[in-house]
Amino acid sequence: MSTSTEEITDGIESERFGPAVLASIGSVLLALYFYYVRGDKQRGQFVGFWPVTILAMASYFQLEEIKQLLASDDE
């Protein structure tokens, strides 16, 4: 049984606003709060790096899942 490209992309599209995206949006808001409201620019900049890391990790895990799906089709 083979998994088509459409089936793989349908599974990915359904998770567009998953926990990683929501955590990234939350950390951007937190960074803006620290930077502008609290005046703690160093902490605001530090927290501002979190979204990139969160999204990169989510991307990595999605790619690993796709690789496993493709590998299971080859068997």
PDB file of N, CA and C in Angstrom:
ATOM      1  N   MET A   1       0.847  -1.174   0.000  1.00  0.00           N
ATOM      2  CA  MET A   1       0.000   0.000   0.000  1.00  0.00           C
ATOM      3  C   MET A   1       0.888   1.232   0.000  1.00  0.00           C
ATOM      4  N   SER A   2       0.663   2.139  -0.897  1.00  0.00           N
ATOM      5  CA  SER A   2       1.510   3.316  -0.968  1.00  0.00           C
ATOM      6  C   SER A   2       0.758   4.564  -0.520  1.00  0.00           C
ATOM      7  N   THR A   3       1.496   5.447   0.114  1.00  0.00           N
ATOM      8  CA  THR A   3       0.938   6.720   0.560  1.00  0.00           C
ATOM      9  C   THR A   3       1.228   7.749  -0.510  1.00  0.00           C
ATOM     10  N   SER A   4       0.192   8.412  -0.976  1.00  0.00           N
ATOM     11  CA  SER A   4       0.401   9.409  -2.009  1.00  0.00           C
ATOM     12  C   SER A   4       0.871  10.722  -1.386  1.00  0.00           C
ATOM     13  N   THR A   5       1.405  11.560  -2.222  1.00  0.00           N
ATOM     14  CA  THR A   5       1.851  12.874  -1.780  1.00  0.00           C
ATOM     15  C   THR A   5       0.687  13.677  -1.229  1.00  0.00           C
ATOM     16  N   GLU A   6      -0.490  13.524  -1.802  1.00  0.00           N
ATOM     17  CA  GLU A   6      -1.668  14.243  -1.316  1.00  0.00           C
ATOM     18  C   GLU A   6      -2.020  13.834   0.099  1.00  0.00           C
ATOM     19  N   GLU A   7      -1.910  12.546   0.413  1.00  0.00           N
ATOM     20  CA  GLU A   7      -2.222  12.078   1.767  1.00  0.00           C
ATOM     21  C   GLU A   7      -1.248  12.645   2.787  1.00  0.00           C
ATOM     22  N   ILE A   8       0.019  12.721   2.413  1.00  0.00           N
ATOM     23  CA  ILE A   8       1.028  13.272   3.318  1.00  0.00           C
ATOM     24  C   ILE A   8       0.788  14.757   3.545  1.00  0.00           C
ATOM     25  N   THR A   9       0.557  15.502   2.463  1.00  0.00           N
ATOM     26  CA  THR A   9       0.353  16.942   2.605  1.00  0.00           C
ATOM     27  C   THR A   9      -0.964  17.263   3.296  1.00  0.00           C
ATOM     28  N   ASP A  10      -1.984  16.414   3.125  1.00  0.00           N
ATOM     29  CA  ASP A  10      -3.242  16.639   3.842  1.00  0.00           C
ATOM     30  C   ASP A  10      -3.029  16.525   5.342  1.00  0.00           C
ATOM     31  N   GLY A  11      -2.225  15.585   5.774  1.00  0.00           N
ATOM     32  CA  GLY A  11      -1.933  15.431   7.194  1.00  0.00           C
ATOM     33  C   GLY A  11      -1.153  16.604   7.746  1.00  0.00           C
ATOM     34  N   ILE A  12      -0.278  17.170   6.940  1.00  0.00           N
ATOM     35  CA  ILE A  12       0.516  18.315   7.372  1.00  0.00           C
ATOM     36  C   ILE A  12      -0.346  19.575   7.413  1.00  0.00           C
ATOM     37  N   GLU A  13      -1.181  19.767   6.407  1.00  0.00           N
ATOM     38  CA  GLU A  13      -2.023  20.962   6.345  1.00  0.00           C
ATOM     39  C   GLU A  13      -2.986  21.043   7.515  1.00  0.00           C
ATOM     40  N   SER A  14      -3.443  19.920   8.031  1.00  0.00           N
ATOM     41  CA  SER A  14      -4.412  19.944   9.117  1.00  0.00           C
ATOM     42  C   SER A  14      -3.790  20.449  10.420  1.00  0.00           C
ATOM     43  N   GLU A  15      -2.469  20.456  10.513  1.00  0.00           N
ATOM     44  CA  GLU A  15      -1.792  20.906  11.720  1.00  0.00           C
ATOM     45  C   GLU A  15      -1.136  22.267  11.517  1.00  0.00           C
ATOM     46  N   ARG A  16      -1.694  23.100  10.692  1.00  0.00           N
ATOM     47  CA  ARG A  16      -1.090  24.393  10.382  1.00  0.00           C
ATOM     48  C   ARG A  16      -0.957  25.263  11.625  1.00  0.00           C
ATOM     49  N   PHE A  17      -1.999  25.301  12.471  1.00  0.00           N
ATOM     50  CA  PHE A  17      -1.948  26.110  13.683  1.00  0.00           C
ATOM     51  C   PHE A  17      -1.860  25.209  14.906  1.00  0.00           C
ATOM     52  N   GLY A  18      -0.877  24.352  14.907  1.00  0.00           N
ATOM     53  CA  GLY A  18      -0.673  23.420  16.004  1.00  0.00           C
ATOM     54  C   GLY A  18       0.004  24.093  17.184  1.00  0.00           C
ATOM     55  N   PRO A  19       0.404  23.298  18.142  1.00  0.00           N
ATOM     56  CA  PRO A  19       0.998  23.833  19.367  1.00  0.00           C
ATOM     57  C   PRO A  19       2.295  24.619  19.133  1.00  0.00           C
ATOM     58  N   ALA A  20       3.083  24.229  18.142  1.00  0.00           N
ATOM     59  CA  ALA A  20       4.342  24.933  17.891  1.00  0.00           C
ATOM     60  C   ALA A  20       4.084  26.360  17.411  1.00  0.00           C
ATOM     61  N   VAL A  21       3.110  26.514  16.529  1.00  0.00           N
ATOM     62  CA  VAL A  21       2.794  27.851  16.017  1.00  0.00           C
ATOM     63  C   VAL A  21       2.213  28.718  17.130  1.00  0.00           C
ATOM     64  N   LEU A  22       1.344  28.133  17.933  1.00  0.00           N
ATOM     65  CA  LEU A  22       0.759  28.900  19.042  1.00  0.00           C
ATOM     66  C   LEU A  22       1.826  29.280  20.069  1.00  0.00           C
ATOM     67  N   ALA A  23       2.761  28.377  20.361  1.00  0.00           N
ATOM     68  CA  ALA A  23       3.847  28.702  21.282  1.00  0.00           C
ATOM     69  C   ALA A  23       4.740  29.800  20.718  1.00  0.00           C
ATOM     70  N   SER A  24       4.958  29.777  19.414  1.00  0.00           N
ATOM     71  CA  SER A  24       5.781  30.810  18.784  1.00  0.00           C
ATOM     72  C   SER A  24       5.107  32.171  18.852  1.00  0.00           C
ATOM     73  N   ILE A  25       3.823  32.204  18.580  1.00  0.00           N
ATOM     74  CA  ILE A  25       3.082  33.462  18.668  1.00  0.00           C
ATOM     75  C   ILE A  25       3.096  33.979  20.105  1.00  0.00           C
ATOM     76  N   GLY A  26       2.909  33.077  21.059  1.00  0.00           N
ATOM     77  CA  GLY A  26       2.949  33.463  22.465  1.00  0.00           C
ATOM     78  C   GLY A  26       4.299  34.022  22.876  1.00  0.00           C
ATOM     79  N   SER A  27       5.375  33.427  22.381  1.00  0.00           N
ATOM     80  CA  SER A  27       6.696  33.918  22.754  1.00  0.00           C
ATOM     81  C   SER A  27       7.003  35.261  22.096  1.00  0.00           C
ATOM     82  N   VAL A  28       6.472  35.501  20.912  1.00  0.00           N
ATOM     83  CA  VAL A  28       6.633  36.823  20.297  1.00  0.00           C
ATOM     84  C   VAL A  28       5.919  37.873  21.139  1.00  0.00           C
ATOM     85  N   LEU A  29       4.708  37.549  21.568  1.00  0.00           N
ATOM     86  CA  LEU A  29       3.964  38.488  22.412  1.00  0.00           C
ATOM     87  C   LEU A  29       4.684  38.715  23.741  1.00  0.00           C
ATOM     88  N   LEU A  30       5.233  37.656  24.312  1.00  0.00           N
ATOM     89  CA  LEU A  30       5.975  37.785  25.562  1.00  0.00           C
ATOM     90  C   LEU A  30       7.226  38.637  25.372  1.00  0.00           C
ATOM     91  N   ALA A  31       7.909  38.448  24.262  1.00  0.00           N
ATOM     92  CA  ALA A  31       9.101  39.249  23.979  1.00  0.00           C
ATOM     93  C   ALA A  31       8.740  40.730  23.832  1.00  0.00           C
ATOM     94  N   LEU A  32       7.643  41.006  23.140  1.00  0.00           N
ATOM     95  CA  LEU A  32       7.215  42.393  23.003  1.00  0.00           C
ATOM     96  C   LEU A  32       6.841  42.987  24.356  1.00  0.00           C
ATOM     97  N   TYR A  33       6.212  42.199  25.198  1.00  0.00           N
ATOM     98  CA  TYR A  33       5.848  42.659  26.542  1.00  0.00           C
ATOM     99  C   TYR A  33       7.101  43.020  27.343  1.00  0.00           C
ATOM    100  N   PHE A  34       8.088  42.115  27.356  1.00  0.00           N
ATOM    101  CA  PHE A  34       9.312  42.396  28.104  1.00  0.00           C
ATOM    102  C   PHE A  34      10.034  43.622  27.540  1.00  0.00           C
ATOM    103  N   TYR A  35      10.104  43.718  26.235  1.00  0.00           N
ATOM    104  CA  TYR A  35      10.887  44.768  25.596  1.00  0.00           C
ATOM    105  C   TYR A  35      10.245  46.145  25.773  1.00  0.00           C
ATOM    106  N   TYR A  36       8.945  46.241  25.493  1.00  0.00           N
ATOM    107  CA  TYR A  36       8.305  47.554  25.492  1.00  0.00           C
ATOM    108  C   TYR A  36       7.585  47.904  26.796  1.00  0.00           C
ATOM    109  N   VAL A  37       6.898  46.956  27.392  1.00  0.00           N
ATOM    110  CA  VAL A  37       6.103  47.273  28.582  1.00  0.00           C
ATOM    111  C   VAL A  37       6.987  47.295  29.832  1.00  0.00           C
ATOM    112  N   ARG A  38       7.765  46.233  30.013  1.00  0.00           N
ATOM    113  CA  ARG A  38       8.606  46.154  31.204  1.00  0.00           C
ATOM    114  C   ARG A  38       9.918  46.920  31.044  1.00  0.00           C
ATOM    115  N   GLY A  39      10.313  47.217  29.814  1.00  0.00           N
ATOM    116  CA  GLY A  39      11.564  47.938  29.574  1.00  0.00           C
ATOM    117  C   GLY A  39      12.804  47.082  29.735  1.00  0.00           C
ATOM    118  N   ASP A  40      12.640  45.779  29.835  1.00  0.00           N
ATOM    119  CA  ASP A  40      13.766  44.853  29.970  1.00  0.00           C
ATOM    120  C   ASP A  40      14.170  44.391  28.576  1.00  0.00           C
ATOM    121  N   LYS A  41      15.004  45.201  27.925  1.00  0.00           N
ATOM    122  CA  LYS A  41      15.340  44.946  26.523  1.00  0.00           C
ATOM    123  C   LYS A  41      16.137  43.660  26.340  1.00  0.00           C
ATOM    124  N   GLN A  42      17.031  43.367  27.266  1.00  0.00           N
ATOM    125  CA  GLN A  42      17.837  42.158  27.127  1.00  0.00           C
ATOM    126  C   GLN A  42      16.967  40.909  27.210  1.00  0.00           C
ATOM    127  N   ARG A  43      16.052  40.863  28.158  1.00  0.00           N
ATOM    128  CA  ARG A  43      15.163  39.704  28.280  1.00  0.00           C
ATOM    129  C   ARG A  43      14.225  39.623  27.069  1.00  0.00           C
ATOM    130  N   GLY A  44      13.743  40.766  26.596  1.00  0.00           N
ATOM    131  CA  GLY A  44      12.881  40.780  25.422  1.00  0.00           C
ATOM    132  C   GLY A  44      13.573  40.228  24.191  1.00  0.00           C
ATOM    133  N   GLN A  45      14.839  40.573  24.025  1.00  0.00           N
ATOM    134  CA  GLN A  45      15.597  40.053  22.887  1.00  0.00           C
ATOM    135  C   GLN A  45      15.860  38.557  23.032  1.00  0.00           C
ATOM    136  N   PHE A  46      16.140  38.127  24.265  1.00  0.00           N
ATOM    137  CA  PHE A  46      16.368  36.702  24.506  1.00  0.00           C
ATOM    138  C   PHE A  46      15.127  35.879  24.191  1.00  0.00           C
ATOM    139  N   VAL A  47      13.992  36.314  24.695  1.00  0.00           N
ATOM    140  CA  VAL A  47      12.735  35.596  24.441  1.00  0.00           C
ATOM    141  C   VAL A  47      12.375  35.695  22.963  1.00  0.00           C
ATOM    142  N   GLY A  48      12.788  36.745  22.305  1.00  0.00           N
ATOM    143  CA  GLY A  48      12.513  36.915  20.880  1.00  0.00           C
ATOM    144  C   GLY A  48      13.166  35.873  19.999  1.00  0.00           C
ATOM    145  N   PHE A  49      14.172  35.184  20.506  1.00  0.00           N
ATOM    146  CA  PHE A  49      14.814  34.107  19.739  1.00  0.00           C
ATOM    147  C   PHE A  49      14.067  32.788  19.840  1.00  0.00           C
ATOM    148  N   TRP A  50      13.166  32.654  20.794  1.00  0.00           N
ATOM    149  CA  TRP A  50      12.465  31.392  21.001  1.00  0.00           C
ATOM    150  C   TRP A  50      11.620  30.944  19.818  1.00  0.00           C
ATOM    151  N   PRO A  51      10.865  31.833  19.153  1.00  0.00           N
ATOM    152  CA  PRO A  51      10.002  31.345  18.065  1.00  0.00           C
ATOM    153  C   PRO A  51      10.770  30.613  16.969  1.00  0.00           C
ATOM    154  N   VAL A  52      11.934  31.120  16.634  1.00  0.00           N
ATOM    155  CA  VAL A  52      12.735  30.481  15.584  1.00  0.00           C
ATOM    156  C   VAL A  52      13.115  29.063  15.996  1.00  0.00           C
ATOM    157  N   THR A  53      13.521  28.912  17.238  1.00  0.00           N
ATOM    158  CA  THR A  53      13.914  27.597  17.748  1.00  0.00           C
ATOM    159  C   THR A  53      12.716  26.648  17.796  1.00  0.00           C
ATOM    160  N   ILE A  54      11.589  27.138  18.269  1.00  0.00           N
ATOM    161  CA  ILE A  54      10.385  26.308  18.371  1.00  0.00           C
ATOM    162  C   ILE A  54       9.952  25.824  16.990  1.00  0.00           C
ATOM    163  N   LEU A  55       9.913  26.741  16.027  1.00  0.00           N
ATOM    164  CA  LEU A  55       9.481  26.360  14.676  1.00  0.00           C
ATOM    165  C   LEU A  55      10.489  25.446  13.989  1.00  0.00           C
ATOM    166  N   ALA A  56      11.770  25.643  14.252  1.00  0.00           N
ATOM    167  CA  ALA A  56      12.788  24.757  13.667  1.00  0.00           C
ATOM    168  C   ALA A  56      12.648  23.341  14.213  1.00  0.00           C
ATOM    169  N   MET A  57      12.409  23.216  15.510  1.00  0.00           N
ATOM    170  CA  MET A  57      12.226  21.886  16.095  1.00  0.00           C
ATOM    171  C   MET A  57      10.961  21.228  15.552  1.00  0.00           C
ATOM    172  N   ALA A  58       9.879  21.983  15.416  1.00  0.00           N
ATOM    173  CA  ALA A  58       8.639  21.424  14.875  1.00  0.00           C
ATOM    174  C   ALA A  58       8.848  20.961  13.433  1.00  0.00           C
ATOM    175  N   SER A  59       9.600  21.729  12.677  1.00  0.00           N
ATOM    176  CA  SER A  59       9.900  21.365  11.289  1.00  0.00           C
ATOM    177  C   SER A  59      10.697  20.066  11.227  1.00  0.00           C
ATOM    178  N   TYR A  60      11.668  19.955  12.097  1.00  0.00           N
ATOM    179  CA  TYR A  60      12.489  18.747  12.138  1.00  0.00           C
ATOM    180  C   TYR A  60      11.629  17.516  12.430  1.00  0.00           C
ATOM    181  N   PHE A  61      10.755  17.627  13.429  1.00  0.00           N
ATOM    182  CA  PHE A  61       9.920  16.482  13.792  1.00  0.00           C
ATOM    183  C   PHE A  61       8.930  16.130  12.679  1.00  0.00           C
ATOM    184  N   GLN A  62       8.433  17.115  11.971  1.00  0.00           N
ATOM    185  CA  GLN A  62       7.540  16.830  10.844  1.00  0.00           C
ATOM    186  C   GLN A  62       8.292  16.122   9.724  1.00  0.00           C
ATOM    187  N   LEU A  63       9.511  16.549   9.448  1.00  0.00           N
ATOM    188  CA  LEU A  63      10.307  15.886   8.414  1.00  0.00           C
ATOM    189  C   LEU A  63      10.622  14.446   8.795  1.00  0.00           C
ATOM    190  N   GLU A  64      10.912  14.211  10.068  1.00  0.00           N
ATOM    191  CA  GLU A  64      11.159  12.844  10.523  1.00  0.00           C
ATOM    192  C   GLU A  64       9.915  11.977  10.349  1.00  0.00           C
ATOM    193  N   GLU A  65       8.749  12.542  10.637  1.00  0.00           N
ATOM    194  CA  GLU A  65       7.498  11.802  10.468  1.00  0.00           C
ATOM    195  C   GLU A  65       7.257  11.457   8.996  1.00  0.00           C
ATOM    196  N   ILE A  66       7.543  12.397   8.119  1.00  0.00           N
ATOM    197  CA  ILE A  66       7.380  12.161   6.680  1.00  0.00           C
ATOM    198  C   ILE A  66       8.354  11.080   6.216  1.00  0.00           C
ATOM    199  N   LYS A  67       9.603  11.131   6.703  1.00  0.00           N
ATOM    200  CA  LYS A  67      10.578  10.113   6.332  1.00  0.00           C
ATOM    201  C   LYS A  67      10.123   8.725   6.769  1.00  0.00           C
ATOM    202  N   GLN A  68       9.540   8.630   7.962  1.00  0.00           N
ATOM    203  CA  GLN A  68       9.052   7.341   8.434  1.00  0.00           C
ATOM    204  C   GLN A  68       7.885   6.847   7.590  1.00  0.00           C
ATOM    205  N   LEU A  69       6.991   7.764   7.197  1.00  0.00           N
ATOM    206  CA  LEU A  69       5.873   7.373   6.335  1.00  0.00           C
ATOM    207  C   LEU A  69       6.369   6.860   4.989  1.00  0.00           C
ATOM    208  N   LEU A  70       7.329   7.540   4.425  1.00  0.00           N
ATOM    209  CA  LEU A  70       7.871   7.120   3.133  1.00  0.00           C
ATOM    210  C   LEU A  70       8.628   5.807   3.257  1.00  0.00           C
ATOM    211  N   ALA A  71       9.338   5.619   4.359  1.00  0.00           N
ATOM    212  CA  ALA A  71      10.085   4.379   4.556  1.00  0.00           C
ATOM    213  C   ALA A  71       9.139   3.196   4.751  1.00  0.00           C
ATOM    214  N   SER A  72       8.022   3.424   5.400  1.00  0.00           N
ATOM    215  CA  SER A  72       7.074   2.334   5.606  1.00  0.00           C
ATOM    216  C   SER A  72       6.368   1.944   4.296  1.00  0.00           C
ATOM    217  N   ASP A  73       6.298   2.850   3.339  1.00  0.00           N
ATOM    218  CA  ASP A  73       5.719   2.536   2.038  1.00  0.00           C
ATOM    219  C   ASP A  73       6.656   1.684   1.191  1.00  0.00           C
ATOM    220  N   ASP A  74       7.952   1.825   1.413  1.00  0.00           N
ATOM    221  CA  ASP A  74       8.922   1.075   0.636  1.00  0.00           C
ATOM    222  C   ASP A  74       8.951  -0.406   1.027  1.00  0.00           C
ATOM    223  N   GLU A  75       8.434  -0.734   2.182  1.00  0.00           N
ATOM    224  CA  GLU A  75       8.485  -2.124   2.656  1.00  0.00           C
ATOM    225  C   GLU A  75       7.469  -2.992   2.003  1.00  0.00           C
TER     226      GLU A  75
END
